[in-house]
Amino acid sequence: MIRLHDSLQRKKVELEPREAGKIGLYACGPTTYNFLHLGNARPLVAFDVVARHLRVRGFAVTYVRNITDVDDKIIRRAAELSEPTDSLTRRFTLEFQTDAGQLCCQPPDVEPRVTEHIPEIVALVERLVANGIAYASEGDVYFSVPSFPAYGELSHQPLDDLKAGARVEVGEKKHDPLDFALWKAAKPGEPAWPSPWGPGRPGWHIECSAMAEKYLGRNFDLHGGGIDLAFPHHENERAQSQGANGLHTFSRYWLHNGFVNFNGGKIAKSDASQKALFDRAFKLRLLLERHGGEAVRSFLLTTHYRNPINFEVVAEGDDVATAPLRFPGLEEAERRLEYGYLTLERLNDALAVGKPGGAGPVAPEAEGWLDRLQSALDDDFNTAEAIAAHGEALALANRILDNKLDAPKDVKRRTLERLQRELAVAALELGLLEAAPATWLAAHRTRRAAARKIDAAHVESCIARRAEARKAKDFAQADAMRDELKGLGIEIMDTPRGTTWRVAD
């Protein structure tokens, strides 16, 4: 049984798919006008785990994540860069897909773009107008919030409170301050498409309603996104879709991930020094280059997706605009991953020789850890507890490999074989430790060496000379080379595949 926290009901409930064995999942994707920041990465990782776990549990998942490629922000950014909007969005769509891949996120089953779904959007707006829940006004079309009594249920905000903070922007011709645009009349120089109300483009919210309906139907199971989207974006999506198709349509459950907080709280962007630090530290591409996407993913998964997570940044200097930055959480995530990949490498090496363990018992310590991991994910996708169970398995593997487990040789062998199989399942669920160990460790070593300004070619030369000394049985020279490398912060490791090295902590 899978339980999840439904934002609409404000409680944890049992997942009951609309169709047995199948799950339709829609998550809001990026607006493609700039590079991502760390906060954008969190929903990518969170809902990737949701899709992964549901599939491992046997569901046929259709995961839809959209690309917004027409929007006010895109138009403004294209004007600033003197670049056509379609060129800008194509470029940043590719950058987004690159970053998502670096985060070890599996591609969604469908990745629809707004500009390729204008007919579906226009048709949905027409239905809303025909139902009396939307109205045209001088080329614009607005959703009439007072005509939809259920408005505010998702975000749990009374209409009177919403009206108190609402305002009419310059140029808007709507009947009520809470009404929102479904279709915007064309302005000079902006992208536009024909419609019954004249040339124009979609409003932000209507696009997700139209694309979710096309690929998942009028009724589907899960809708996800950041907590910042609960209002107004998701509230408006729900209102549009139910206004067109009837109450109790659209998504059955709503999942929202928490914020990524900066140094213990939200950034005060009015503070110039804090903003300068934020602008540098939150750039996802910088973090990926410095620590690797899997470390960013691992960091984000250490906290339950609904809870806020603190991202600590340390500036090693007084001028935050130029001082070198450290990210302790990502450093710790890299250490955990290195431990995991070194464990897998040792495990694979040990099982590459000798005879299979055959049928029989395994060490009792190996029983149940994968069940605990999967039960944690069954309970509202609790990755923090799942990672704890994952760590138990890695620790057990190292105990056996270090000959610290009191058990017969055949039991140890079978236990290692079982751990190898089950760690592969855990990797598929969490998206962690999926790479070939040698590949990840080499990339990690390159990043660490560059950060420490260590000459990798010199290290390899020293290791080669040490190998020659050992072959000549000049062990004093071999030890001297090891000591030289240790002085540089290099730890060398002799393995069945030869000598390798790592940058010591």
Protein backbone atom coordinates (compact mmCIF):
# COMPACT_ATOMS: atom_id res chain seq x y z
CA MET A 1 0.00 0.00 0.00
CA ILE A 2 1.32 3.42 -0.98
CA ARG A 3 0.33 6.42 1.09
CA LEU A 4 0.90 10.04 0.11
CA HIS A 5 0.20 13.47 1.51
CA ASP A 6 -2.50 15.07 -0.61
CA SER A 7 -2.28 18.87 -0.54
CA LEU A 8 -5.99 19.16 -1.33
CA GLN A 9 -7.10 17.03 1.63
CA ARG A 10 -4.19 18.19 3.80
CA LYS A 11 -3.56 14.69 5.06
CA LYS A 12 -1.88 11.42 4.21
CA VAL A 13 -4.14 9.10 2.24
CA GLU A 14 -3.90 5.77 0.46
CA LEU A 15 -3.12 5.99 -3.24
CA GLU A 16 -6.12 4.65 -5.15
CA PRO A 17 -5.44 4.85 -8.90
CA ARG A 18 -8.33 5.69 -11.15
CA GLU A 19 -7.41 2.64 -13.22
CA ALA A 20 -5.94 -0.42 -11.54
CA GLY A 21 -2.23 -0.82 -12.18
CA LYS A 22 -1.83 2.50 -13.99
CA ILE A 23 -0.74 5.96 -12.82
CA GLY A 24 -0.95 9.25 -14.69
CA LEU A 25 1.53 11.78 -13.27
CA TYR A 26 1.82 15.42 -14.39
CA ALA A 27 4.56 17.70 -13.07
CA CYS A 28 5.13 21.32 -14.02
CA GLY A 29 8.32 21.80 -16.01
CA PRO A 30 10.52 24.82 -16.66
CA THR A 31 9.89 28.17 -18.29
CA THR A 32 12.79 28.15 -20.74
CA TYR A 33 14.41 31.57 -20.62
CA ASN A 34 17.43 31.07 -18.34
CA PHE A 35 19.54 28.47 -16.56
CA LEU A 36 18.04 26.59 -13.62
CA HIS A 37 18.77 27.33 -9.97
CA LEU A 38 18.91 24.81 -7.14
CA GLY A 39 15.28 25.36 -6.21
CA ASN A 40 14.25 24.27 -9.73
CA ALA A 41 16.18 21.04 -9.26
CA ARG A 42 14.19 19.91 -6.24
CA PRO A 43 10.89 19.07 -7.97
CA LEU A 44 12.80 17.43 -10.84
CA VAL A 45 14.46 15.04 -8.41
CA ALA A 46 11.43 14.58 -6.14
CA PHE A 47 9.00 13.56 -8.88
CA ASP A 48 11.61 11.47 -10.64
CA VAL A 49 11.74 9.36 -7.45
CA VAL A 50 7.93 9.21 -7.37
CA ALA A 51 7.84 7.85 -10.92
CA ARG A 52 10.73 5.44 -10.28
CA HIS A 53 9.21 3.98 -7.12
CA LEU A 54 5.74 3.57 -8.61
CA ARG A 55 7.25 1.68 -11.54
CA VAL A 56 9.25 -0.62 -9.26
CA ARG A 57 6.03 -1.29 -7.35
CA GLY A 58 4.50 -2.54 -10.59
CA PHE A 59 2.50 0.45 -11.86
CA ALA A 60 2.47 1.42 -15.52
CA VAL A 61 3.32 5.11 -15.11
CA THR A 62 2.75 7.79 -17.73
CA TYR A 63 4.86 10.72 -16.58
CA VAL A 64 4.20 14.05 -18.30
CA ARG A 65 6.36 17.11 -17.65
CA ASN A 66 5.79 20.18 -19.79
CA ILE A 67 8.06 22.78 -21.36
CA THR A 68 6.77 26.37 -21.23
CA ASP A 69 8.15 28.06 -24.34
CA VAL A 70 5.92 31.13 -24.54
CA ASP A 71 5.47 33.41 -21.55
CA ASP A 72 5.94 37.01 -20.41
CA LYS A 73 9.35 36.21 -18.91
CA ILE A 74 10.50 34.59 -22.13
CA ILE A 75 9.39 37.59 -24.18
CA ARG A 76 11.19 40.04 -21.88
CA ARG A 77 14.37 37.95 -21.83
CA ALA A 78 14.41 37.57 -25.61
CA ALA A 79 14.04 41.34 -25.98
CA GLU A 80 16.94 41.92 -23.57
CA LEU A 81 19.16 39.58 -25.59
CA SER A 82 17.84 40.70 -29.01
CA GLU A 83 17.16 37.04 -29.72
CA PRO A 84 14.05 35.50 -31.29
CA THR A 85 11.87 33.83 -28.67
CA ASP A 86 11.91 30.45 -30.42
CA SER A 87 15.71 30.50 -30.55
CA LEU A 88 15.90 31.40 -26.85
CA THR A 89 13.51 28.66 -25.77
CA ARG A 90 15.15 25.98 -27.92
CA ARG A 91 18.51 26.86 -26.41
CA PHE A 92 17.34 26.76 -22.81
CA THR A 93 15.23 23.66 -23.36
CA LEU A 94 18.44 21.85 -24.34
CA GLU A 95 20.24 23.32 -21.31
CA PHE A 96 17.40 22.17 -19.07
CA GLN A 97 17.46 18.65 -20.49
CA THR A 98 21.23 18.53 -19.98
CA ASP A 99 20.88 19.54 -16.34
CA ALA A 100 18.03 17.08 -15.73
CA GLY A 101 20.21 14.31 -17.12
CA GLN A 102 23.10 15.36 -14.89
CA LEU A 103 20.72 15.08 -11.93
CA CYS A 104 20.16 11.41 -12.92
CA CYS A 105 16.52 12.11 -13.75
CA GLN A 106 14.94 9.72 -16.19
CA PRO A 107 13.25 11.50 -19.13
CA PRO A 108 9.48 11.85 -18.75
CA ASP A 109 7.31 9.75 -21.02
CA VAL A 110 5.96 12.91 -22.63
CA GLU A 111 7.56 16.37 -22.63
CA PRO A 112 5.02 18.59 -24.42
CA ARG A 113 5.79 22.19 -25.42
CA VAL A 114 3.18 24.90 -25.20
CA THR A 115 3.75 26.24 -28.72
CA GLU A 116 3.01 22.79 -30.16
CA HIS A 117 -0.39 22.63 -28.41
CA ILE A 118 -2.07 25.90 -29.32
CA PRO A 119 -5.13 24.17 -30.92
CA GLU A 120 -5.77 22.18 -27.72
CA ILE A 121 -5.42 25.34 -25.63
CA VAL A 122 -7.80 27.33 -27.83
CA ALA A 123 -10.35 24.49 -27.72
CA LEU A 124 -10.22 24.39 -23.91
CA VAL A 125 -10.71 28.15 -23.67
CA GLU A 126 -13.69 27.86 -26.03
CA ARG A 127 -15.27 25.26 -23.74
CA LEU A 128 -14.86 27.56 -20.75
CA VAL A 129 -16.46 30.45 -22.60
CA ALA A 130 -19.33 28.21 -23.71
CA ASN A 131 -19.83 27.09 -20.07
CA GLY A 132 -20.14 30.70 -18.93
CA ILE A 133 -17.02 30.49 -16.74
CA ALA A 134 -14.83 32.61 -19.03
CA TYR A 135 -15.43 35.77 -21.04
CA ALA A 136 -13.75 37.69 -23.84
CA SER A 137 -12.67 41.28 -23.31
CA GLU A 138 -11.12 43.22 -26.20
CA GLY A 139 -9.08 40.31 -27.50
CA ASP A 140 -8.23 38.89 -24.08
CA VAL A 141 -10.10 35.99 -22.47
CA TYR A 142 -10.42 35.75 -18.67
CA PHE A 143 -11.52 33.02 -16.29
CA SER A 144 -14.33 34.30 -14.07
CA VAL A 145 -13.32 33.30 -10.54
CA PRO A 146 -16.69 34.29 -8.96
CA SER A 147 -18.36 31.84 -11.36
CA PHE A 148 -16.42 28.92 -9.84
CA PRO A 149 -17.37 28.49 -6.14
CA ALA A 150 -14.68 25.84 -5.53
CA TYR A 151 -11.90 28.36 -6.19
CA GLY A 152 -9.41 28.45 -3.31
CA GLU A 153 -9.98 24.85 -2.14
CA LEU A 154 -6.56 23.60 -3.21
CA SER A 155 -4.55 26.42 -1.64
CA HIS A 156 -7.00 26.63 1.32
CA GLN A 157 -7.47 30.36 0.94
CA PRO A 158 -10.90 32.02 1.39
CA LEU A 159 -11.98 34.19 -1.54
CA ASP A 160 -12.31 37.24 0.71
CA ASP A 161 -8.65 36.92 1.71
CA LEU A 162 -7.59 36.51 -1.90
CA LYS A 163 -9.58 39.54 -2.98
CA ALA A 164 -7.91 41.66 -0.33
CA GLY A 165 -4.55 41.16 -2.01
CA ALA A 166 -5.70 41.15 -5.62
CA ARG A 167 -5.18 43.98 -8.05
CA VAL A 168 -5.80 44.80 -11.69
CA GLU A 169 -2.63 45.35 -13.70
CA VAL A 170 -2.32 48.17 -16.22
CA GLY A 171 -3.91 47.13 -19.51
CA GLU A 172 -6.07 44.38 -18.04
CA LYS A 173 -9.78 44.54 -18.81
CA LYS A 174 -11.20 41.96 -16.45
CA HIS A 175 -14.47 42.01 -14.50
CA ASP A 176 -13.08 40.99 -11.11
CA PRO A 177 -9.58 41.48 -9.60
CA LEU A 178 -9.26 37.70 -9.09
CA ASP A 179 -10.03 36.83 -12.71
CA PHE A 180 -6.99 35.57 -14.62
CA ALA A 181 -6.01 35.45 -18.27
CA LEU A 182 -6.63 32.38 -20.39
CA TRP A 183 -5.74 34.10 -23.67
CA LYS A 184 -3.80 37.34 -24.19
CA ALA A 185 -4.35 39.61 -27.19
CA ALA A 186 -1.28 40.06 -29.37
CA LYS A 187 1.03 43.00 -28.79
CA PRO A 188 3.43 44.35 -31.40
CA GLY A 189 6.54 42.19 -31.72
CA GLU A 190 5.20 39.33 -29.58
CA PRO A 191 4.62 35.77 -30.81
CA ALA A 192 0.96 35.22 -31.66
CA TRP A 193 -1.43 32.61 -33.03
CA PRO A 194 -4.93 32.95 -34.51
CA SER A 195 -7.96 32.38 -32.29
CA PRO A 196 -11.70 33.16 -32.25
CA TRP A 197 -10.85 36.28 -30.21
CA GLY A 198 -8.15 37.52 -32.53
CA PRO A 199 -4.41 36.86 -32.66
CA GLY A 200 -2.78 36.25 -29.31
CA ARG A 201 -1.07 33.72 -27.07
CA PRO A 202 -2.00 31.51 -24.10
CA GLY A 203 -1.99 32.59 -20.48
CA TRP A 204 0.40 30.70 -18.23
CA HIS A 205 -2.07 28.50 -16.38
CA ILE A 206 -4.21 27.23 -19.26
CA GLU A 207 -1.31 25.48 -20.97
CA CYS A 208 -0.92 22.83 -18.24
CA SER A 209 -4.64 22.12 -18.14
CA ALA A 210 -4.71 21.54 -21.89
CA MET A 211 -1.57 19.39 -22.08
CA ALA A 212 -2.44 17.30 -19.03
CA GLU A 213 -5.84 16.58 -20.55
CA LYS A 214 -4.39 15.64 -23.91
CA TYR A 215 -1.88 13.12 -22.56
CA LEU A 216 -3.53 11.90 -19.36
CA GLY A 217 -7.23 12.48 -19.98
CA ARG A 218 -9.74 14.59 -18.12
CA ASN A 219 -9.15 12.48 -15.01
CA PHE A 220 -5.73 11.37 -13.83
CA ASP A 221 -3.98 10.49 -10.59
CA LEU A 222 -1.12 12.75 -9.50
CA HIS A 223 -0.15 16.37 -10.08
CA GLY A 224 3.16 17.59 -8.67
CA GLY A 225 5.15 20.76 -8.33
CA GLY A 226 6.84 23.10 -5.90
CA ILE A 227 4.87 24.57 -3.02
CA ASP A 228 5.29 27.98 -4.65
CA LEU A 229 3.02 26.77 -7.48
CA ALA A 230 0.11 25.76 -5.26
CA PHE A 231 -1.24 29.29 -5.67
CA PRO A 232 -1.99 30.67 -8.11
CA HIS A 233 -0.78 28.24 -10.78
CA HIS A 234 -2.20 24.94 -9.52
CA GLU A 235 -5.31 26.59 -8.09
CA ASN A 236 -5.97 28.08 -11.51
CA GLU A 237 -5.23 24.85 -13.35
CA ARG A 238 -7.74 23.01 -11.21
CA ALA A 239 -10.37 25.72 -11.67
CA GLN A 240 -9.94 25.77 -15.46
CA SER A 241 -10.11 22.03 -15.90
CA GLN A 242 -13.05 21.52 -13.57
CA GLY A 243 -14.79 24.54 -15.05
CA ALA A 244 -14.54 22.92 -18.46
CA ASN A 245 -15.12 19.28 -17.51
CA GLY A 246 -17.03 19.25 -14.22
CA LEU A 247 -16.23 18.98 -10.53
CA HIS A 248 -14.14 16.01 -9.40
CA THR A 249 -12.28 15.90 -12.71
CA PHE A 250 -8.58 16.63 -13.31
CA SER A 251 -6.00 15.37 -10.76
CA ARG A 252 -7.15 13.17 -7.87
CA TYR A 253 -4.09 13.93 -5.68
CA TRP A 254 -1.73 16.89 -5.41
CA LEU A 255 1.91 16.66 -4.27
CA HIS A 256 4.02 19.70 -3.41
CA ASN A 257 7.70 19.78 -2.52
CA GLY A 258 9.11 22.23 0.02
CA PHE A 259 11.47 25.15 -0.53
CA VAL A 260 15.25 25.05 -0.64
CA ASN A 261 16.22 27.57 2.03
CA PHE A 262 19.42 29.56 1.78
CA ASN A 263 21.69 29.56 4.85
CA GLY A 264 18.83 28.81 7.21
CA GLY A 265 16.10 30.95 5.69
CA LYS A 266 14.82 32.78 2.66
CA ILE A 267 17.21 35.16 0.97
CA ALA A 268 16.70 38.85 1.66
CA LYS A 269 17.23 40.08 -1.88
CA SER A 270 17.01 43.66 -0.70
CA ASP A 271 20.37 43.03 0.98
CA ALA A 272 22.94 43.50 -1.79
CA SER A 273 25.57 41.22 -0.26
CA GLN A 274 23.04 38.42 0.36
CA LYS A 275 21.68 38.76 -3.16
CA ALA A 276 25.20 38.63 -4.64
CA LEU A 277 25.91 35.47 -2.68
CA PHE A 278 22.57 33.94 -3.64
CA ASP A 279 23.01 34.73 -7.33
CA ARG A 280 26.35 32.94 -7.36
CA ALA A 281 25.59 30.04 -5.05
CA PHE A 282 22.17 29.00 -6.35
CA LYS A 283 23.20 28.54 -9.98
CA LEU A 284 22.59 24.86 -10.64
CA ARG A 285 25.12 24.64 -13.47
CA LEU A 286 27.89 25.85 -11.11
CA LEU A 287 26.93 23.23 -8.53
CA LEU A 288 26.84 20.49 -11.14
CA GLU A 289 30.30 21.42 -12.37
CA ARG A 290 31.74 21.66 -8.87
CA HIS A 291 30.20 18.56 -7.29
CA GLY A 292 28.45 16.53 -10.00
CA GLY A 293 24.74 16.07 -10.54
CA GLU A 294 24.48 12.91 -8.48
CA ALA A 295 25.81 14.74 -5.42
CA VAL A 296 23.18 17.46 -5.88
CA ARG A 297 20.54 14.73 -6.19
CA SER A 298 21.82 12.92 -3.10
CA PHE A 299 21.77 16.16 -1.10
CA LEU A 300 18.17 16.90 -2.09
CA LEU A 301 17.02 13.38 -1.20
CA THR A 302 18.38 13.51 2.36
CA THR A 303 15.32 15.52 3.41
CA HIS A 304 11.69 14.47 2.92
CA TYR A 305 10.41 16.16 -0.23
CA ARG A 306 7.61 18.04 1.57
CA ASN A 307 9.96 19.58 4.15
CA PRO A 308 12.17 22.60 3.51
CA ILE A 309 15.85 21.80 3.06
CA ASN A 310 18.65 24.12 4.12
CA PHE A 311 21.41 24.82 1.62
CA GLU A 312 24.47 26.09 3.46
CA VAL A 313 26.92 28.34 1.63
CA VAL A 314 30.26 29.43 3.07
CA ALA A 315 32.09 32.37 1.50
CA GLU A 316 35.81 32.10 2.21
CA GLY A 317 36.44 35.83 2.13
CA ASP A 318 34.83 39.16 2.90
CA ASP A 319 33.71 40.06 -0.61
CA VAL A 320 30.86 37.66 -1.32
CA ALA A 321 30.81 38.73 -4.97
CA THR A 322 34.26 37.25 -5.58
CA ALA A 323 35.18 35.05 -2.57
CA PRO A 324 35.58 31.30 -3.16
CA LEU A 325 32.45 29.43 -2.10
CA ARG A 326 32.02 26.15 -0.28
CA PHE A 327 28.88 24.06 -0.09
CA PRO A 328 29.17 21.76 2.94
CA GLY A 329 26.01 19.82 2.16
CA LEU A 330 27.24 18.95 -1.32
CA GLU A 331 30.69 18.08 -0.01
CA GLU A 332 29.11 15.61 2.40
CA ALA A 333 26.92 14.22 -0.38
CA GLU A 334 30.01 13.59 -2.51
CA ARG A 335 31.69 11.79 0.38
CA ARG A 336 28.66 9.52 0.78
CA LEU A 337 28.62 8.75 -2.92
CA GLU A 338 32.33 8.04 -3.02
CA TYR A 339 31.88 5.61 -0.13
CA GLY A 340 29.02 3.96 -1.98
CA TYR A 341 30.85 3.63 -5.27
CA LEU A 342 34.03 2.37 -3.62
CA THR A 343 31.88 -0.23 -1.86
CA LEU A 344 30.26 -1.30 -5.13
CA GLU A 345 33.66 -1.51 -6.78
CA ARG A 346 34.99 -3.75 -4.00
CA LEU A 347 31.81 -5.83 -4.05
CA ASN A 348 31.98 -6.34 -7.82
CA ASP A 349 35.68 -7.24 -7.65
CA ALA A 350 35.08 -9.79 -4.91
CA LEU A 351 32.26 -11.49 -6.80
CA ALA A 352 34.15 -11.52 -10.10
CA VAL A 353 36.31 -14.37 -8.80
CA GLY A 354 35.41 -17.65 -7.16
CA LYS A 355 32.34 -19.82 -7.43
CA PRO A 356 28.74 -18.62 -6.90
CA GLY A 357 27.40 -19.21 -3.41
CA GLY A 358 24.51 -21.38 -4.58
CA ALA A 359 21.34 -21.95 -2.60
CA GLY A 360 21.32 -21.49 1.14
CA PRO A 361 20.99 -18.95 3.93
CA VAL A 362 22.49 -15.46 4.02
CA ALA A 363 23.65 -13.47 7.02
CA PRO A 364 20.66 -12.33 9.12
CA GLU A 365 21.92 -8.74 8.89
CA ALA A 366 21.12 -8.80 5.15
CA GLU A 367 17.44 -9.56 5.74
CA GLY A 368 14.93 -6.76 5.50
CA TRP A 369 16.95 -3.68 4.56
CA LEU A 370 15.44 -3.44 1.05
CA ASP A 371 11.96 -3.95 2.51
CA ARG A 372 12.64 -1.05 4.90
CA LEU A 373 13.83 1.11 2.00
CA GLN A 374 10.76 0.37 -0.08
CA SER A 375 8.40 0.74 2.87
CA ALA A 376 9.87 4.20 3.48
CA LEU A 377 9.13 5.13 -0.12
CA ASP A 378 5.65 3.63 0.20
CA ASP A 379 5.10 6.09 3.06
CA ASP A 380 4.82 9.35 1.12
CA PHE A 381 8.12 8.78 -0.71
CA ASN A 382 10.27 9.23 2.39
CA THR A 383 13.73 9.30 0.81
CA ALA A 384 15.48 10.27 4.06
CA GLU A 385 14.53 6.96 5.70
CA ALA A 386 15.16 5.07 2.47
CA ILE A 387 18.72 6.41 2.29
CA ALA A 388 19.31 5.34 5.90
CA ALA A 389 18.36 1.75 5.00
CA HIS A 390 20.56 1.99 1.91
CA GLY A 391 23.50 2.98 4.11
CA GLU A 392 22.98 -0.12 6.28
CA ALA A 393 23.43 -2.35 3.24
CA LEU A 394 26.63 -0.60 2.16
CA ALA A 395 28.03 -0.87 5.69
CA LEU A 396 27.24 -4.59 5.81
CA ALA A 397 28.97 -5.16 2.48
CA ASN A 398 32.11 -3.47 3.80
CA ARG A 399 32.02 -5.52 7.01
CA ILE A 400 32.01 -8.70 4.97
CA LEU A 401 34.68 -7.47 2.57
CA ASP A 402 36.86 -6.49 5.56
CA ASN A 403 36.38 -9.98 7.07
CA LYS A 404 34.61 -8.51 10.09
CA LEU A 405 31.51 -10.69 9.87
CA ASP A 406 31.63 -13.98 11.75
CA ALA A 407 30.00 -16.36 9.26
CA PRO A 408 30.96 -19.34 7.05
CA LYS A 409 32.59 -18.51 3.73
CA ASP A 410 29.61 -19.71 1.65
CA VAL A 411 27.21 -17.59 3.72
CA LYS A 412 29.39 -14.53 3.18
CA ARG A 413 29.47 -15.19 -0.55
CA ARG A 414 25.69 -15.58 -0.81
CA THR A 415 25.20 -12.48 1.31
CA LEU A 416 27.43 -10.41 -0.99
CA GLU A 417 25.56 -11.77 -4.03
CA ARG A 418 22.23 -10.83 -2.50
CA LEU A 419 23.49 -7.37 -1.55
CA GLN A 420 24.70 -6.84 -5.11
CA ARG A 421 21.26 -7.72 -6.53
CA GLU A 422 19.32 -5.65 -4.02
CA LEU A 423 21.62 -2.63 -4.27
CA ALA A 424 20.81 -2.59 -7.98
CA VAL A 425 17.10 -2.37 -7.11
CA ALA A 426 17.78 0.45 -4.65
CA ALA A 427 19.78 2.28 -7.32
CA LEU A 428 16.81 2.04 -9.69
CA GLU A 429 14.46 3.41 -7.01
CA LEU A 430 16.59 6.29 -5.74
CA GLY A 431 18.60 7.14 -8.85
CA LEU A 432 21.77 6.84 -6.76
CA LEU A 433 24.80 4.60 -7.45
CA GLU A 434 23.50 3.71 -10.92
CA ALA A 435 26.72 4.56 -12.79
CA ALA A 436 29.62 2.22 -13.40
CA PRO A 437 31.79 2.70 -10.28
CA ALA A 438 35.00 3.27 -12.25
CA THR A 439 33.33 5.94 -14.38
CA TRP A 440 31.88 7.86 -11.45
CA LEU A 441 35.04 7.59 -9.33
CA ALA A 442 37.21 8.85 -12.20
CA ALA A 443 34.95 11.89 -12.73
CA HIS A 444 34.84 12.54 -9.00
CA ARG A 445 38.63 12.34 -8.77
CA THR A 446 39.00 14.79 -11.67
CA ARG A 447 36.71 17.31 -9.95
CA ARG A 448 38.48 16.96 -6.61
CA ALA A 449 41.93 17.22 -8.16
CA ALA A 450 40.97 20.36 -10.08
CA ALA A 451 39.54 21.94 -6.93
CA ARG A 452 42.78 21.19 -5.02
CA LYS A 453 44.96 22.19 -8.01
CA ILE A 454 46.53 18.72 -8.06
CA ASP A 455 48.35 17.76 -11.26
CA ALA A 456 46.71 14.46 -12.25
CA ALA A 457 49.44 13.73 -14.81
CA HIS A 458 52.10 14.01 -12.09
CA VAL A 459 50.12 11.64 -9.87
CA GLU A 460 49.82 9.08 -12.66
CA SER A 461 53.58 9.38 -13.30
CA CYS A 462 54.34 8.74 -9.63
CA ILE A 463 52.04 5.71 -9.61
CA ALA A 464 53.78 4.34 -12.72
CA ARG A 465 57.22 4.80 -11.12
CA ARG A 466 55.97 3.14 -7.95
CA ALA A 467 54.74 0.17 -10.00
CA GLU A 468 58.17 -0.14 -11.64
CA ALA A 469 59.85 -0.01 -8.21
CA ARG A 470 57.57 -2.73 -6.86
CA LYS A 471 58.22 -4.88 -9.92
CA ALA A 472 61.96 -4.48 -9.26
CA LYS A 473 61.33 -5.32 -5.59
CA ASP A 474 62.63 -1.89 -4.62
CA PHE A 475 60.07 -1.55 -1.85
CA ALA A 476 61.86 1.35 -0.19
CA GLN A 477 61.43 3.42 -3.39
CA ALA A 478 57.82 2.26 -3.71
CA ASP A 479 57.09 3.36 -0.15
CA ALA A 480 58.80 6.68 -0.82
CA MET A 481 56.51 7.29 -3.80
CA ARG A 482 53.47 6.46 -1.69
CA ASP A 483 54.64 8.93 0.96
CA GLU A 484 55.22 11.61 -1.67
CA LEU A 485 51.71 11.21 -2.95
CA LYS A 486 50.31 11.20 0.57
CA GLY A 487 52.01 14.54 1.12
CA LEU A 488 50.12 15.86 -1.91
CA GLY A 489 46.82 14.69 -0.40
CA ILE A 490 46.62 11.57 -2.56
CA GLU A 491 45.62 8.14 -1.29
CA ILE A 492 46.59 5.24 -3.54
CA MET A 493 44.74 1.94 -3.55
CA ASP A 494 45.97 -1.41 -4.86
CA THR A 495 43.01 -3.37 -6.26
CA PRO A 496 42.59 -6.56 -8.32
CA ARG A 497 42.32 -4.30 -11.39
CA GLY A 498 45.55 -2.46 -10.61
CA THR A 499 46.48 0.65 -8.66
CA THR A 500 44.12 3.60 -8.55
CA TRP A 501 44.00 6.78 -6.49
CA ARG A 502 41.71 9.26 -4.81
CA VAL A 503 41.99 12.75 -3.38
CA ALA A 504 41.96 12.32 0.40
CA ASP A 505 39.54 14.26 2.56
